[in-house]
Amino acid sequence: MKLDLKEVKRLAELARLASSDAELEKMRDELGRILEYVTRLSNIDTAGIPETESDLMMLPSREDEAFPCDEATRQFILSNFPDRAGDALRVPAVFEKPKG
């Protein structure tokens, strides 16, 4: 399956990948092969095969909790993060088109 180069460029932008034209062309070929494989998998007849559950669904979940760290570690993390607002770490929005 041959993807449009414009689609591949958009996917790279969404993934925040800076890619050259040669890299985009390589990605287009690789993604095309992946999509062809997924299409082949989706065409497999699984009518006689019973459904199964993942072992991950059987594992007990745990509560999210913050773990304390010493002030030096905290300051090291803050000082190495590229964009901050006070003590908050600022990250790019996931669902907006990147600017530029």
N, C-alpha and C. Protein backbone atom coordinates (compact mmCIF):
# COMPACT_ATOMS: atom_id res chain seq x y z
N MET A 1 0.86 -1.18 0.00
CA MET A 1 0.00 0.00 0.00
C MET A 1 0.90 1.23 0.00
N LYS A 2 0.71 2.08 -0.95
CA LYS A 2 1.54 3.28 -1.08
C LYS A 2 0.81 4.46 -0.43
N LEU A 3 1.43 5.05 0.56
CA LEU A 3 0.86 6.21 1.23
C LEU A 3 1.26 7.48 0.51
N ASP A 4 0.43 8.48 0.64
CA ASP A 4 0.73 9.80 0.11
C ASP A 4 1.80 10.44 1.01
N LEU A 5 2.79 11.07 0.41
CA LEU A 5 3.87 11.69 1.18
C LEU A 5 3.34 12.76 2.13
N LYS A 6 2.26 13.42 1.74
CA LYS A 6 1.64 14.44 2.60
C LYS A 6 1.10 13.80 3.89
N GLU A 7 0.52 12.58 3.77
CA GLU A 7 0.02 11.87 4.94
C GLU A 7 1.17 11.49 5.88
N VAL A 8 2.26 11.03 5.31
CA VAL A 8 3.42 10.63 6.11
C VAL A 8 4.00 11.85 6.82
N LYS A 9 4.07 12.97 6.13
CA LYS A 9 4.58 14.20 6.74
C LYS A 9 3.70 14.62 7.91
N ARG A 10 2.39 14.50 7.74
CA ARG A 10 1.46 14.85 8.82
C ARG A 10 1.64 13.92 10.02
N LEU A 11 1.81 12.62 9.77
CA LEU A 11 2.06 11.67 10.86
C LEU A 11 3.36 12.01 11.59
N ALA A 12 4.38 12.38 10.84
CA ALA A 12 5.65 12.77 11.45
C ALA A 12 5.47 14.02 12.31
N GLU A 13 4.68 14.97 11.84
CA GLU A 13 4.41 16.18 12.63
C GLU A 13 3.67 15.83 13.91
N LEU A 14 2.68 14.95 13.82
CA LEU A 14 1.93 14.54 15.01
C LEU A 14 2.83 13.85 16.03
N ALA A 15 3.80 13.09 15.53
CA ALA A 15 4.74 12.39 16.40
C ALA A 15 5.90 13.30 16.81
N ARG A 16 5.87 14.53 16.32
CA ARG A 16 6.91 15.51 16.60
C ARG A 16 8.29 15.01 16.15
N LEU A 17 8.32 14.41 14.96
CA LEU A 17 9.56 13.93 14.37
C LEU A 17 10.04 14.92 13.32
N ALA A 18 11.25 15.38 13.47
CA ALA A 18 11.85 16.24 12.45
C ALA A 18 12.52 15.30 11.45
N SER A 19 12.03 15.28 10.22
CA SER A 19 12.51 14.30 9.25
C SER A 19 12.88 14.97 7.94
N SER A 20 13.95 14.46 7.34
CA SER A 20 14.35 14.94 6.01
C SER A 20 13.44 14.30 4.97
N ASP A 21 13.53 14.78 3.74
CA ASP A 21 12.73 14.20 2.66
C ASP A 21 13.06 12.73 2.46
N ALA A 22 14.35 12.38 2.58
CA ALA A 22 14.77 10.97 2.42
C ALA A 22 14.17 10.11 3.54
N GLU A 23 14.16 10.64 4.76
CA GLU A 23 13.58 9.89 5.88
C GLU A 23 12.07 9.73 5.71
N LEU A 24 11.41 10.77 5.23
CA LEU A 24 9.97 10.68 4.99
C LEU A 24 9.65 9.63 3.92
N GLU A 25 10.48 9.57 2.91
CA GLU A 25 10.29 8.57 1.85
C GLU A 25 10.47 7.16 2.42
N LYS A 26 11.48 6.99 3.26
CA LYS A 26 11.71 5.68 3.90
C LYS A 26 10.53 5.32 4.80
N MET A 27 10.05 6.31 5.58
CA MET A 27 8.89 6.06 6.44
C MET A 27 7.67 5.66 5.62
N ARG A 28 7.50 6.31 4.48
CA ARG A 28 6.35 6.00 3.62
C ARG A 28 6.40 4.54 3.19
N ASP A 29 7.57 4.07 2.79
CA ASP A 29 7.71 2.68 2.38
C ASP A 29 7.47 1.73 3.55
N GLU A 30 8.06 2.05 4.72
CA GLU A 30 7.91 1.18 5.89
C GLU A 30 6.47 1.14 6.38
N LEU A 31 5.82 2.30 6.45
CA LEU A 31 4.43 2.33 6.88
C LEU A 31 3.53 1.59 5.90
N GLY A 32 3.83 1.70 4.62
CA GLY A 32 3.07 0.98 3.61
C GLY A 32 3.15 -0.53 3.82
N ARG A 33 4.37 -1.02 4.11
CA ARG A 33 4.53 -2.46 4.37
C ARG A 33 3.80 -2.88 5.64
N ILE A 34 3.82 -2.04 6.66
CA ILE A 34 3.10 -2.34 7.91
C ILE A 34 1.61 -2.44 7.64
N LEU A 35 1.07 -1.48 6.90
CA LEU A 35 -0.36 -1.49 6.59
C LEU A 35 -0.75 -2.69 5.74
N GLU A 36 0.11 -3.09 4.82
CA GLU A 36 -0.16 -4.29 4.02
C GLU A 36 -0.22 -5.52 4.92
N TYR A 37 0.69 -5.60 5.88
CA TYR A 37 0.71 -6.74 6.81
C TYR A 37 -0.54 -6.76 7.67
N VAL A 38 -0.94 -5.60 8.18
CA VAL A 38 -2.16 -5.52 8.99
C VAL A 38 -3.38 -5.93 8.17
N THR A 39 -3.41 -5.54 6.91
CA THR A 39 -4.51 -5.95 6.02
C THR A 39 -4.53 -7.46 5.87
N ARG A 40 -3.35 -8.07 5.69
CA ARG A 40 -3.29 -9.53 5.59
C ARG A 40 -3.79 -10.18 6.87
N LEU A 41 -3.40 -9.64 8.02
CA LEU A 41 -3.85 -10.20 9.30
C LEU A 41 -5.36 -10.08 9.46
N SER A 42 -5.91 -8.96 9.03
CA SER A 42 -7.36 -8.75 9.20
C SER A 42 -8.17 -9.67 8.29
N ASN A 43 -7.54 -10.22 7.26
CA ASN A 43 -8.25 -11.12 6.35
C ASN A 43 -8.18 -12.59 6.77
N ILE A 44 -7.48 -12.89 7.86
CA ILE A 44 -7.37 -14.27 8.33
C ILE A 44 -8.70 -14.71 8.93
N ASP A 45 -9.14 -15.90 8.55
CA ASP A 45 -10.39 -16.45 9.07
C ASP A 45 -10.15 -16.98 10.48
N THR A 46 -10.77 -16.36 11.46
CA THR A 46 -10.63 -16.77 12.86
C THR A 46 -11.94 -17.31 13.42
N ALA A 47 -12.84 -17.73 12.54
CA ALA A 47 -14.17 -18.16 12.97
C ALA A 47 -14.13 -19.32 13.96
N GLY A 48 -13.23 -20.28 13.79
CA GLY A 48 -13.19 -21.44 14.67
C GLY A 48 -12.27 -21.30 15.86
N ILE A 49 -11.72 -20.13 16.06
CA ILE A 49 -10.77 -19.92 17.15
C ILE A 49 -11.46 -19.17 18.29
N PRO A 50 -11.45 -19.74 19.51
CA PRO A 50 -12.12 -19.06 20.63
C PRO A 50 -11.39 -17.77 21.03
N GLU A 51 -12.18 -16.81 21.48
CA GLU A 51 -11.60 -15.55 21.96
C GLU A 51 -10.87 -15.80 23.26
N THR A 52 -9.82 -15.05 23.50
CA THR A 52 -9.08 -15.16 24.75
C THR A 52 -8.91 -13.77 25.34
N GLU A 53 -8.59 -13.76 26.62
CA GLU A 53 -8.32 -12.49 27.28
C GLU A 53 -6.84 -12.38 27.54
N SER A 54 -6.35 -11.17 27.57
CA SER A 54 -4.96 -10.93 27.89
C SER A 54 -4.74 -11.13 29.38
N ASP A 55 -3.58 -11.66 29.74
CA ASP A 55 -3.24 -11.80 31.15
C ASP A 55 -3.20 -10.44 31.84
N LEU A 56 -2.91 -9.40 31.08
CA LEU A 56 -2.85 -8.06 31.67
C LEU A 56 -4.19 -7.65 32.26
N MET A 57 -5.28 -8.12 31.65
CA MET A 57 -6.61 -7.76 32.15
C MET A 57 -6.90 -8.45 33.49
N MET A 58 -6.18 -9.50 33.79
CA MET A 58 -6.40 -10.25 35.02
C MET A 58 -5.58 -9.71 36.19
N LEU A 59 -4.59 -8.90 35.91
CA LEU A 59 -3.73 -8.38 36.97
C LEU A 59 -4.47 -7.34 37.80
N PRO A 60 -4.24 -7.34 39.10
CA PRO A 60 -4.89 -6.31 39.92
C PRO A 60 -4.31 -4.94 39.61
N SER A 61 -5.16 -3.93 39.62
CA SER A 61 -4.67 -2.57 39.38
C SER A 61 -4.25 -1.96 40.70
N ARG A 62 -3.48 -0.92 40.63
CA ARG A 62 -3.04 -0.24 41.84
C ARG A 62 -3.38 1.24 41.74
N GLU A 63 -3.47 1.87 42.84
CA GLU A 63 -3.74 3.30 42.88
C GLU A 63 -2.50 4.06 42.41
N ASP A 64 -2.73 5.15 41.69
CA ASP A 64 -1.62 6.03 41.35
C ASP A 64 -1.22 6.79 42.59
N GLU A 65 0.06 6.91 42.80
CA GLU A 65 0.51 7.69 43.94
C GLU A 65 1.83 8.37 43.60
N ALA A 66 2.01 9.53 44.14
CA ALA A 66 3.25 10.27 43.92
C ALA A 66 4.30 9.77 44.90
N PHE A 67 5.51 9.64 44.42
CA PHE A 67 6.60 9.22 45.29
C PHE A 67 7.47 10.44 45.58
N PRO A 68 7.76 10.68 46.83
CA PRO A 68 8.58 11.85 47.17
C PRO A 68 10.02 11.65 46.70
N CYS A 69 10.68 12.76 46.39
CA CYS A 69 12.10 12.71 46.07
C CYS A 69 12.78 13.86 46.79
N ASP A 70 14.08 13.77 46.90
CA ASP A 70 14.79 14.83 47.61
C ASP A 70 14.84 16.09 46.74
N GLU A 71 15.12 17.20 47.37
CA GLU A 71 15.09 18.51 46.70
C GLU A 71 16.12 18.60 45.57
N ALA A 72 17.28 17.98 45.75
CA ALA A 72 18.31 18.02 44.71
C ALA A 72 17.82 17.32 43.44
N THR A 73 17.17 16.18 43.58
CA THR A 73 16.63 15.45 42.43
C THR A 73 15.54 16.28 41.75
N ARG A 74 14.67 16.86 42.55
CA ARG A 74 13.58 17.69 42.02
C ARG A 74 14.13 18.87 41.22
N GLN A 75 15.12 19.56 41.77
CA GLN A 75 15.72 20.70 41.08
C GLN A 75 16.46 20.26 39.81
N PHE A 76 17.10 19.09 39.86
CA PHE A 76 17.78 18.56 38.67
C PHE A 76 16.79 18.33 37.54
N ILE A 77 15.65 17.72 37.87
CA ILE A 77 14.62 17.46 36.86
C ILE A 77 14.09 18.78 36.30
N LEU A 78 13.75 19.72 37.18
CA LEU A 78 13.24 21.01 36.74
C LEU A 78 14.24 21.76 35.87
N SER A 79 15.51 21.72 36.24
CA SER A 79 16.52 22.48 35.49
C SER A 79 16.80 21.88 34.11
N ASN A 80 16.49 20.61 33.92
CA ASN A 80 16.75 19.95 32.64
C ASN A 80 15.54 19.86 31.74
N PHE A 81 14.40 20.39 32.18
CA PHE A 81 13.20 20.34 31.35
C PHE A 81 13.18 21.58 30.46
N PRO A 82 12.88 21.43 29.16
CA PRO A 82 13.00 22.56 28.24
C PRO A 82 11.99 23.69 28.43
N ASP A 83 10.81 23.42 28.96
CA ASP A 83 9.79 24.47 29.06
C ASP A 83 9.06 24.33 30.39
N ARG A 84 9.08 25.40 31.17
CA ARG A 84 8.45 25.36 32.49
C ARG A 84 7.58 26.58 32.70
N ALA A 85 6.65 26.42 33.64
CA ALA A 85 5.86 27.54 34.14
C ALA A 85 5.95 27.44 35.66
N GLY A 86 6.93 28.14 36.24
CA GLY A 86 7.18 27.98 37.67
C GLY A 86 7.73 26.59 37.92
N ASP A 87 7.08 25.84 38.81
CA ASP A 87 7.50 24.47 39.09
C ASP A 87 6.76 23.45 38.24
N ALA A 88 5.89 23.91 37.34
CA ALA A 88 5.15 22.99 36.47
C ALA A 88 5.94 22.77 35.18
N LEU A 89 5.96 21.53 34.72
CA LEU A 89 6.62 21.19 33.47
C LEU A 89 5.61 21.36 32.35
N ARG A 90 5.95 22.17 31.36
CA ARG A 90 5.03 22.45 30.26
C ARG A 90 5.39 21.57 29.06
N VAL A 91 4.37 20.89 28.52
CA VAL A 91 4.59 20.02 27.35
C VAL A 91 3.68 20.49 26.22
N PRO A 92 4.04 20.19 24.97
CA PRO A 92 3.19 20.59 23.85
C PRO A 92 1.84 19.89 23.90
N ALA A 93 0.82 20.57 23.43
CA ALA A 93 -0.52 19.97 23.35
C ALA A 93 -0.48 18.80 22.38
N VAL A 94 -1.18 17.75 22.71
CA VAL A 94 -1.17 16.55 21.89
C VAL A 94 -2.14 16.65 20.73
N PHE A 95 -3.26 17.31 20.92
CA PHE A 95 -4.32 17.30 19.93
C PHE A 95 -4.37 18.56 19.08
N GLU A 96 -3.35 19.39 19.14
CA GLU A 96 -3.30 20.57 18.30
C GLU A 96 -2.23 20.39 17.24
N LYS A 97 -2.42 21.02 16.10
CA LYS A 97 -1.42 20.96 15.03
C LYS A 97 -0.20 21.77 15.47
N PRO A 98 1.01 21.20 15.34
CA PRO A 98 2.21 21.94 15.73
C PRO A 98 2.35 23.23 14.91
N LYS A 99 2.83 24.27 15.57
CA LYS A 99 3.04 25.55 14.90
C LYS A 99 4.38 25.52 14.18
N GLY A 100 4.43 26.19 13.05
CA GLY A 100 5.71 26.30 12.37
C GLY A 100 5.79 25.65 11.08
